[in-house]
């Protein structure tokens, strides 16, 4: 039996690890141990996801918490190293580690394992925005450089890894585990009463999420984007679950009342996965700077206006429903008008985004 250390730390990781854990637990040859670093530790950003996604409580919770990138990464590295050494000392060493995504927990855990000669598999390997100002891009590059198993969600990722000199034997195109979770949960999610609660009807509202510094830190930029949203809300109700970081910036810039005084923009706190999926799956359009939502919107066939100048998920733009908008308010207005007018582009779901990525990952793990 292979003992597998599975690492999560932040909200996006939970949706990725859930189907992998299910597939592992139905495979007698694998014994997963779920380690939660606690990089995100807010009930709405963390605990509720375990409950809704059917993930058993973590076997080990580290409770690292927030901090600067350096501090957080260092504390996770030290903590994970201790867990791995302790397991070996009691005669139950881990045979492999699985890390997902691109957060600080991902790279820190991978470094700790590799230095202890534990091989690491990276789920979502090969994604590149080619923007090294993004902390996530640094995490992706570093993690892929030290992993022996690179599990890729889209063909462009394979191209990127080969261009970086990774051996073909390390690279496995397995599909997208985020879509596994989405397809597993969407029927359950649609039973949520969140649409009725907030007075919106299917395909007649938009969902907005913004949290990246380029969109919310500059008052002028954020103000211009809000002006567009307010204008569009005259024609279509908007639901805006506000990230804690964005909430702080709205207060700091004195823009809170601009949103809250508008009855056609429903401002909410962070939502659980099922409530949020209920909203996104039945929306007319999604406006977001989230990476995962670009993928989910493509699988759901919902137009997605991505408030970033680049993306590490290019297939969502070339084949899917996403369009890169950056922080450009005029461009946002243009594409929202296309959605309202019924002229926005059509997309299609990429190959292998079929709900079986986790099973393919388990098959690769069994062969290693």
Protein backbone atom coordinates (compact mmCIF):
# COMPACT_ATOMS: atom_id res chain seq x y z
CA UNK A 1 0.00 0.00 0.00
CA UNK A 2 1.28 3.44 -0.93
CA UNK A 3 0.93 6.18 1.67
CA UNK A 4 0.09 9.49 -0.01
CA UNK A 5 0.33 12.90 1.70
CA UNK A 6 -2.33 15.16 0.14
CA UNK A 7 -1.81 18.88 0.79
CA UNK A 8 -4.44 21.63 0.87
CA UNK A 9 -4.22 25.13 2.25
CA UNK A 10 -6.59 27.54 0.52
CA UNK A 11 -10.13 27.55 -0.82
CA UNK A 12 -9.32 26.62 -4.46
CA UNK A 13 -7.40 23.54 -3.26
CA UNK A 14 -10.45 21.96 -1.65
CA UNK A 15 -12.41 21.63 -4.90
CA UNK A 16 -9.35 20.06 -6.54
CA UNK A 17 -8.54 17.54 -3.83
CA UNK A 18 -12.12 16.34 -3.18
CA UNK A 19 -12.46 14.09 -6.26
CA UNK A 20 -8.87 12.87 -5.90
CA UNK A 21 -9.55 11.77 -2.32
CA UNK A 22 -12.74 9.99 -3.40
CA UNK A 23 -10.85 8.13 -6.12
CA UNK A 24 -7.98 7.22 -3.77
CA UNK A 25 -10.29 5.95 -1.03
CA UNK A 26 -11.93 3.56 -3.48
CA UNK A 27 -8.48 2.20 -4.42
CA UNK A 28 -7.15 -0.30 -1.82
CA UNK A 29 -3.55 0.16 -2.99
CA UNK A 30 -3.53 3.82 -1.90
CA UNK A 31 -3.81 5.30 1.59
CA UNK A 32 -4.27 9.09 1.50
CA UNK A 33 -3.57 11.41 4.45
CA UNK A 34 -5.14 14.86 4.13
CA UNK A 35 -2.95 17.64 5.55
CA UNK A 36 -4.53 21.12 5.82
CA UNK A 37 -1.93 23.84 6.29
CA UNK A 38 -4.55 26.39 7.31
CA UNK A 39 -3.26 29.02 4.86
CA UNK A 40 -6.92 30.14 4.63
CA UNK A 41 -8.71 29.75 7.91
CA UNK A 42 -12.10 31.41 7.75
CA UNK A 43 -15.20 29.27 8.23
CA UNK A 44 -16.74 30.56 4.99
CA UNK A 45 -13.46 30.15 3.09
CA UNK A 46 -12.46 26.82 4.58
CA UNK A 47 -14.51 24.68 6.96
CA UNK A 48 -17.81 24.83 5.07
CA UNK A 49 -16.07 23.52 1.95
CA UNK A 50 -15.07 20.29 3.67
CA UNK A 51 -18.69 19.75 4.72
CA UNK A 52 -20.25 20.54 1.35
CA UNK A 53 -17.73 18.66 -0.78
CA UNK A 54 -17.98 15.54 1.35
CA UNK A 55 -14.33 15.69 2.39
CA UNK A 56 -13.64 14.07 5.75
CA UNK A 57 -12.00 16.30 8.31
CA UNK A 58 -8.25 16.70 7.67
CA UNK A 59 -6.10 14.04 9.27
CA UNK A 60 -3.67 16.82 10.22
CA UNK A 61 -4.50 20.54 10.61
CA UNK A 62 -1.55 22.90 10.91
CA UNK A 63 -3.32 26.23 11.46
CA UNK A 64 -0.60 28.34 9.84
CA UNK A 65 -2.83 31.35 9.13
CA UNK A 66 -2.10 34.47 7.12
CA UNK A 67 1.14 36.43 6.80
CA UNK A 68 3.55 37.73 4.20
CA UNK A 69 4.46 35.38 1.36
CA UNK A 70 7.87 34.69 2.86
CA UNK A 71 6.66 34.12 6.40
CA UNK A 72 3.73 31.96 5.36
CA UNK A 73 5.77 29.85 2.93
CA UNK A 74 8.56 29.35 5.49
CA UNK A 75 6.19 28.31 8.28
CA UNK A 76 4.41 25.83 6.03
CA UNK A 77 7.73 24.37 4.85
CA UNK A 78 8.97 23.88 8.42
CA UNK A 79 5.63 22.45 9.57
CA UNK A 80 5.28 20.01 6.68
CA UNK A 81 8.89 18.86 7.10
CA UNK A 82 8.15 18.03 10.74
CA UNK A 83 5.05 16.03 9.80
CA UNK A 84 6.94 14.03 7.17
CA UNK A 85 9.88 13.30 9.48
CA UNK A 86 7.56 12.26 12.33
CA UNK A 87 5.72 9.85 10.02
CA UNK A 88 9.01 8.25 8.99
CA UNK A 89 10.21 8.02 12.61
CA UNK A 90 7.12 6.05 13.65
CA UNK A 91 7.62 3.60 10.79
CA UNK A 92 4.90 4.96 8.49
CA UNK A 93 6.83 7.02 5.93
CA UNK A 94 4.98 8.62 3.05
CA UNK A 95 5.70 7.12 -0.35
CA UNK A 96 4.53 10.20 -2.28
CA UNK A 97 3.04 13.63 -1.88
CA UNK A 98 0.27 15.16 -4.02
CA UNK A 99 0.03 18.96 -4.21
CA UNK A 100 -2.62 20.90 -6.11
CA UNK A 101 -2.81 24.35 -7.64
CA UNK A 102 -0.46 27.27 -7.12
CA UNK A 103 -0.79 28.66 -3.59
CA UNK A 104 2.03 29.06 -1.06
CA UNK A 105 1.12 25.72 0.54
CA UNK A 106 1.73 24.02 -2.80
CA UNK A 107 5.33 25.12 -3.28
CA UNK A 108 6.29 24.97 0.41
CA UNK A 109 5.05 21.39 0.84
CA UNK A 110 6.72 20.28 -2.39
CA UNK A 111 10.08 21.68 -1.29
CA UNK A 112 9.82 19.98 2.12
CA UNK A 113 9.01 16.61 0.55
CA UNK A 114 11.64 16.66 -2.21
CA UNK A 115 14.41 17.54 0.27
CA UNK A 116 13.40 14.44 2.22
CA UNK A 117 13.51 12.37 -1.01
CA UNK A 118 9.74 11.95 -1.16
CA UNK A 119 8.52 12.21 -4.78
CA UNK A 120 5.84 14.80 -5.50
CA UNK A 121 2.98 14.87 -8.00
CA UNK A 122 1.65 18.30 -9.02
CA UNK A 123 -1.99 18.54 -10.07
CA UNK A 124 -2.51 21.46 -12.52
CA UNK A 125 1.09 21.37 -13.66
CA UNK A 126 2.17 23.41 -16.66
CA UNK A 127 -0.27 26.30 -16.34
CA UNK A 128 1.50 29.56 -17.18
CA UNK A 129 0.37 33.19 -17.28
CA UNK A 130 3.93 34.28 -18.22
CA UNK A 131 3.50 37.10 -15.71
CA UNK A 132 6.14 36.79 -13.00
CA UNK A 133 4.61 39.66 -11.08
CA UNK A 134 1.97 37.12 -9.98
CA UNK A 135 3.02 35.19 -6.85
CA UNK A 136 1.07 32.21 -8.18
CA UNK A 137 3.22 32.10 -11.33
CA UNK A 138 6.39 31.83 -9.22
CA UNK A 139 4.77 29.05 -7.19
CA UNK A 140 3.80 27.18 -10.37
CA UNK A 141 7.28 27.41 -11.89
CA UNK A 142 9.08 26.36 -8.72
CA UNK A 143 6.71 23.48 -7.98
CA UNK A 144 6.91 22.03 -11.49
CA UNK A 145 10.71 22.29 -11.48
CA UNK A 146 11.07 19.86 -8.56
CA UNK A 147 8.17 17.44 -9.13
CA UNK A 148 8.68 14.07 -10.84
CA UNK A 149 4.99 13.70 -11.80
CA UNK A 150 3.31 16.55 -13.67
CA UNK A 151 -0.47 16.10 -13.96
CA UNK A 152 -1.80 18.50 -16.59
CA UNK A 153 -5.34 19.84 -17.10
CA UNK A 154 -5.12 21.20 -20.67
CA UNK A 155 -2.91 20.63 -23.77
CA UNK A 156 -1.21 24.03 -23.54
CA UNK A 157 0.22 22.93 -20.20
CA UNK A 158 1.94 20.00 -21.89
CA UNK A 159 3.47 22.39 -24.44
CA UNK A 160 4.71 24.70 -21.68
CA UNK A 161 6.35 21.88 -19.75
CA UNK A 162 8.08 20.49 -22.83
CA UNK A 163 9.33 23.97 -23.71
CA UNK A 164 10.83 24.18 -20.22
CA UNK A 165 12.71 20.93 -20.79
CA UNK A 166 10.66 18.50 -18.73
CA UNK A 167 10.92 14.87 -19.86
CA UNK A 168 7.89 13.36 -21.58
CA UNK A 169 7.88 10.55 -19.01
CA UNK A 170 7.00 13.04 -16.26
CA UNK A 171 4.09 14.67 -18.11
CA UNK A 172 0.55 13.26 -17.98
CA UNK A 173 -2.48 14.97 -19.56
CA UNK A 174 -5.28 13.89 -17.20
CA UNK A 175 -7.96 16.57 -17.48
CA UNK A 176 -9.37 19.02 -14.99
CA UNK A 177 -10.26 17.94 -11.44
CA UNK A 178 -12.13 21.22 -10.85
CA UNK A 179 -14.63 20.02 -13.44
CA UNK A 180 -14.89 16.66 -11.63
CA UNK A 181 -16.08 18.53 -8.56
CA UNK A 182 -18.38 20.82 -10.53
CA UNK A 183 -20.13 17.92 -12.29
CA UNK A 184 -20.36 15.98 -9.02
CA UNK A 185 -21.94 18.89 -7.16
CA UNK A 186 -24.01 20.86 -9.68
CA UNK A 187 -27.30 18.95 -9.25
CA UNK A 188 -27.06 19.26 -5.47
CA UNK A 189 -26.09 22.93 -5.78
CA UNK A 190 -29.16 23.77 -7.86
CA UNK A 191 -31.40 22.71 -4.98
CA UNK A 192 -30.07 25.66 -2.96
CA UNK A 193 -32.57 28.42 -2.28
CA UNK A 194 -29.99 31.17 -2.86
CA UNK A 195 -31.58 32.51 -6.08
CA UNK A 196 -34.99 32.89 -4.47
CA UNK A 197 -33.42 34.33 -1.32
CA UNK A 198 -31.84 37.16 -3.30
CA UNK A 199 -34.62 37.73 -5.78
CA UNK A 200 -32.94 36.62 -9.01
CA UNK A 201 -34.20 34.39 -11.81
CA UNK A 202 -32.15 31.84 -13.80
CA UNK A 203 -30.24 33.32 -16.79
CA UNK A 204 -31.37 36.82 -15.88
CA UNK A 205 -28.57 38.05 -13.59
CA UNK A 206 -24.80 38.37 -13.43
CA UNK A 207 -22.30 37.19 -10.81
CA UNK A 208 -19.31 39.39 -9.91
CA UNK A 209 -16.15 38.46 -7.98
CA UNK A 210 -13.12 40.73 -7.72
CA UNK A 211 -10.15 40.52 -5.39
CA UNK A 212 -6.85 40.94 -7.28
CA UNK A 213 -4.76 44.03 -6.48
CA UNK A 214 -4.84 45.31 -10.09
CA UNK A 215 -8.63 45.61 -9.86
CA UNK A 216 -9.30 46.70 -6.30
CA UNK A 217 -6.23 48.47 -4.85
CA UNK A 218 -6.38 51.62 -7.01
CA UNK A 219 -9.43 53.77 -6.23
CA UNK A 220 -9.63 55.15 -9.77
CA UNK A 221 -9.54 51.69 -11.37
CA UNK A 222 -12.04 50.19 -8.94
CA UNK A 223 -14.33 53.22 -9.22
CA UNK A 224 -14.41 52.95 -13.03
CA UNK A 225 -15.26 49.25 -12.86
CA UNK A 226 -18.04 49.93 -10.35
CA UNK A 227 -19.46 52.61 -12.66
CA UNK A 228 -19.81 49.98 -15.41
CA UNK A 229 -21.42 47.49 -13.04
CA UNK A 230 -23.88 50.11 -11.83
CA UNK A 231 -24.80 50.98 -15.41
CA UNK A 232 -25.31 47.32 -16.35
CA UNK A 233 -27.39 46.71 -13.23
CA UNK A 234 -30.08 48.94 -14.76
CA UNK A 235 -30.67 46.12 -17.26
CA UNK A 236 -29.68 43.02 -15.28
CA UNK A 237 -29.46 42.37 -11.55
CA UNK A 238 -25.94 41.59 -10.26
CA UNK A 239 -24.95 39.37 -7.34
CA UNK A 240 -21.60 40.35 -5.82
CA UNK A 241 -20.14 38.03 -3.10
CA UNK A 242 -17.45 40.34 -1.75
CA UNK A 243 -14.07 38.88 -0.83
CA UNK A 244 -12.71 40.10 2.55
CA UNK A 245 -9.81 41.80 0.76
CA UNK A 246 -12.18 43.66 -1.58
CA UNK A 247 -14.42 44.65 1.31
CA UNK A 248 -11.44 46.26 3.02
CA UNK A 249 -10.53 48.20 -0.13
CA UNK A 250 -14.10 49.42 -0.65
CA UNK A 251 -14.06 50.85 2.88
CA UNK A 252 -10.60 52.32 2.40
CA UNK A 253 -11.63 54.04 -0.86
CA UNK A 254 -14.98 55.23 0.49
CA UNK A 255 -16.84 53.25 -2.17
CA UNK A 256 -18.98 51.01 0.06
CA UNK A 257 -22.14 53.08 -0.31
CA UNK A 258 -21.80 53.17 -4.11
CA UNK A 259 -22.68 49.48 -4.13
CA UNK A 260 -24.88 49.13 -1.08
CA UNK A 261 -27.20 51.96 -2.11
CA UNK A 262 -27.97 50.21 -5.42
CA UNK A 263 -30.92 47.80 -5.08
CA UNK A 264 -29.97 45.97 -8.29
CA UNK A 265 -26.54 44.97 -6.95
CA UNK A 266 -26.86 42.31 -4.25
CA UNK A 267 -23.78 42.51 -2.00
CA UNK A 268 -23.02 39.34 -0.05
CA UNK A 269 -20.24 37.94 2.08
CA UNK A 270 -18.25 34.88 0.92
CA UNK A 271 -20.53 31.94 0.06
CA UNK A 272 -20.21 28.21 0.50
CA UNK A 273 -19.40 26.17 -2.60
CA UNK A 274 -22.92 24.89 -3.28
CA UNK A 275 -24.62 28.28 -2.93
CA UNK A 276 -21.99 29.87 -5.14
CA UNK A 277 -22.23 27.11 -7.76
CA UNK A 278 -26.01 27.48 -7.72
CA UNK A 279 -25.53 31.14 -8.65
CA UNK A 280 -22.77 30.71 -11.24
CA UNK A 281 -24.35 27.73 -13.00
CA UNK A 282 -27.54 29.67 -13.73
CA UNK A 283 -26.06 33.13 -14.38
CA UNK A 284 -26.29 35.06 -17.64
CA UNK A 285 -22.69 36.25 -17.23
CA UNK A 286 -19.80 36.03 -14.77
CA UNK A 287 -17.39 38.93 -14.18
CA UNK A 288 -14.34 37.70 -12.28
CA UNK A 289 -10.59 37.78 -11.73
CA UNK A 290 -10.61 34.23 -10.33
CA UNK A 291 -8.64 31.48 -12.06
CA UNK A 292 -11.00 28.64 -11.23
CA UNK A 293 -14.11 30.49 -12.35
CA UNK A 294 -12.68 30.80 -15.85
CA UNK A 295 -12.68 27.02 -16.03
CA UNK A 296 -16.04 26.48 -14.35
CA UNK A 297 -17.80 29.01 -16.58
CA UNK A 298 -16.48 27.24 -19.67
CA UNK A 299 -17.79 23.88 -18.41
CA UNK A 300 -21.12 25.52 -17.51
CA UNK A 301 -21.34 27.35 -20.87
CA UNK A 302 -21.73 30.72 -19.13
CA UNK A 303 -20.03 33.85 -20.60
CA UNK A 304 -17.07 34.86 -18.43
CA UNK A 305 -15.45 38.30 -18.54
CA UNK A 306 -12.05 37.74 -16.96
CA UNK A 307 -10.69 40.87 -15.30
CA UNK A 308 -7.06 40.03 -15.97
CA UNK A 309 -4.61 40.95 -18.76
CA UNK A 310 -3.42 37.35 -19.03
CA UNK A 311 -4.41 33.85 -18.03
CA UNK A 312 -2.66 30.61 -17.18
CA UNK A 313 -5.76 28.85 -18.54
CA UNK A 314 -5.69 29.91 -22.23
CA UNK A 315 -8.02 27.16 -23.39
CA UNK A 316 -10.88 28.95 -21.61
CA UNK A 317 -10.30 31.87 -23.99
CA UNK A 318 -9.42 30.05 -27.22
CA UNK A 319 -12.10 27.34 -26.92
CA UNK A 320 -14.22 28.29 -23.93
CA UNK A 321 -16.49 31.11 -22.86
CA UNK A 322 -13.90 33.45 -21.31
CA UNK A 323 -12.66 36.80 -22.66
CA UNK A 324 -9.70 38.66 -21.17
CA UNK A 325 -10.72 42.18 -20.14
CA UNK A 326 -7.89 43.27 -17.84
CA UNK A 327 -8.85 46.26 -15.68
CA UNK A 328 -10.31 48.09 -18.70
CA UNK A 329 -13.72 49.52 -17.84
CA UNK A 330 -14.53 50.34 -21.49
CA UNK A 331 -13.77 46.77 -22.55
CA UNK A 332 -15.91 45.45 -19.72
CA UNK A 333 -18.80 47.64 -20.85
CA UNK A 334 -18.39 46.48 -24.46
CA UNK A 335 -18.54 42.77 -23.65
CA UNK A 336 -21.36 43.15 -21.14
CA UNK A 337 -23.35 44.86 -23.88
CA UNK A 338 -22.63 41.85 -26.13
CA UNK A 339 -23.98 39.53 -23.46
CA UNK A 340 -27.10 41.65 -23.00
CA UNK A 341 -27.57 41.86 -26.77
CA UNK A 342 -27.10 38.13 -27.35
CA UNK A 343 -24.02 38.58 -29.57
CA UNK A 344 -21.34 37.26 -27.19
CA UNK A 345 -19.20 34.39 -28.56
CA UNK A 346 -20.05 30.71 -28.13
CA UNK A 347 -17.67 28.30 -26.42
CA UNK A 348 -17.14 24.57 -26.02
CA UNK A 349 -15.89 22.36 -23.19
CA UNK A 350 -12.30 21.10 -23.69
CA UNK A 351 -11.38 17.45 -24.13
CA UNK A 352 -10.94 15.47 -20.87
CA UNK A 353 -13.01 17.95 -18.86
CA UNK A 354 -15.44 15.10 -18.39
CA UNK A 355 -15.57 14.40 -14.65
CA UNK A 356 -13.01 11.56 -14.76
CA UNK A 357 -9.73 13.42 -14.22
CA UNK A 358 -9.29 12.16 -10.66
CA UNK A 359 -9.61 8.54 -11.77
CA UNK A 360 -6.96 9.12 -14.43
CA UNK A 361 -4.70 10.65 -11.75
CA UNK A 362 -5.11 7.56 -9.55
CA UNK A 363 -4.20 5.34 -12.49
CA UNK A 364 -0.98 7.32 -12.99
CA UNK A 365 -0.18 7.13 -9.27
CA UNK A 366 -0.63 3.35 -9.26
CA UNK A 367 1.92 2.98 -12.07
CA UNK A 368 4.59 5.09 -10.36
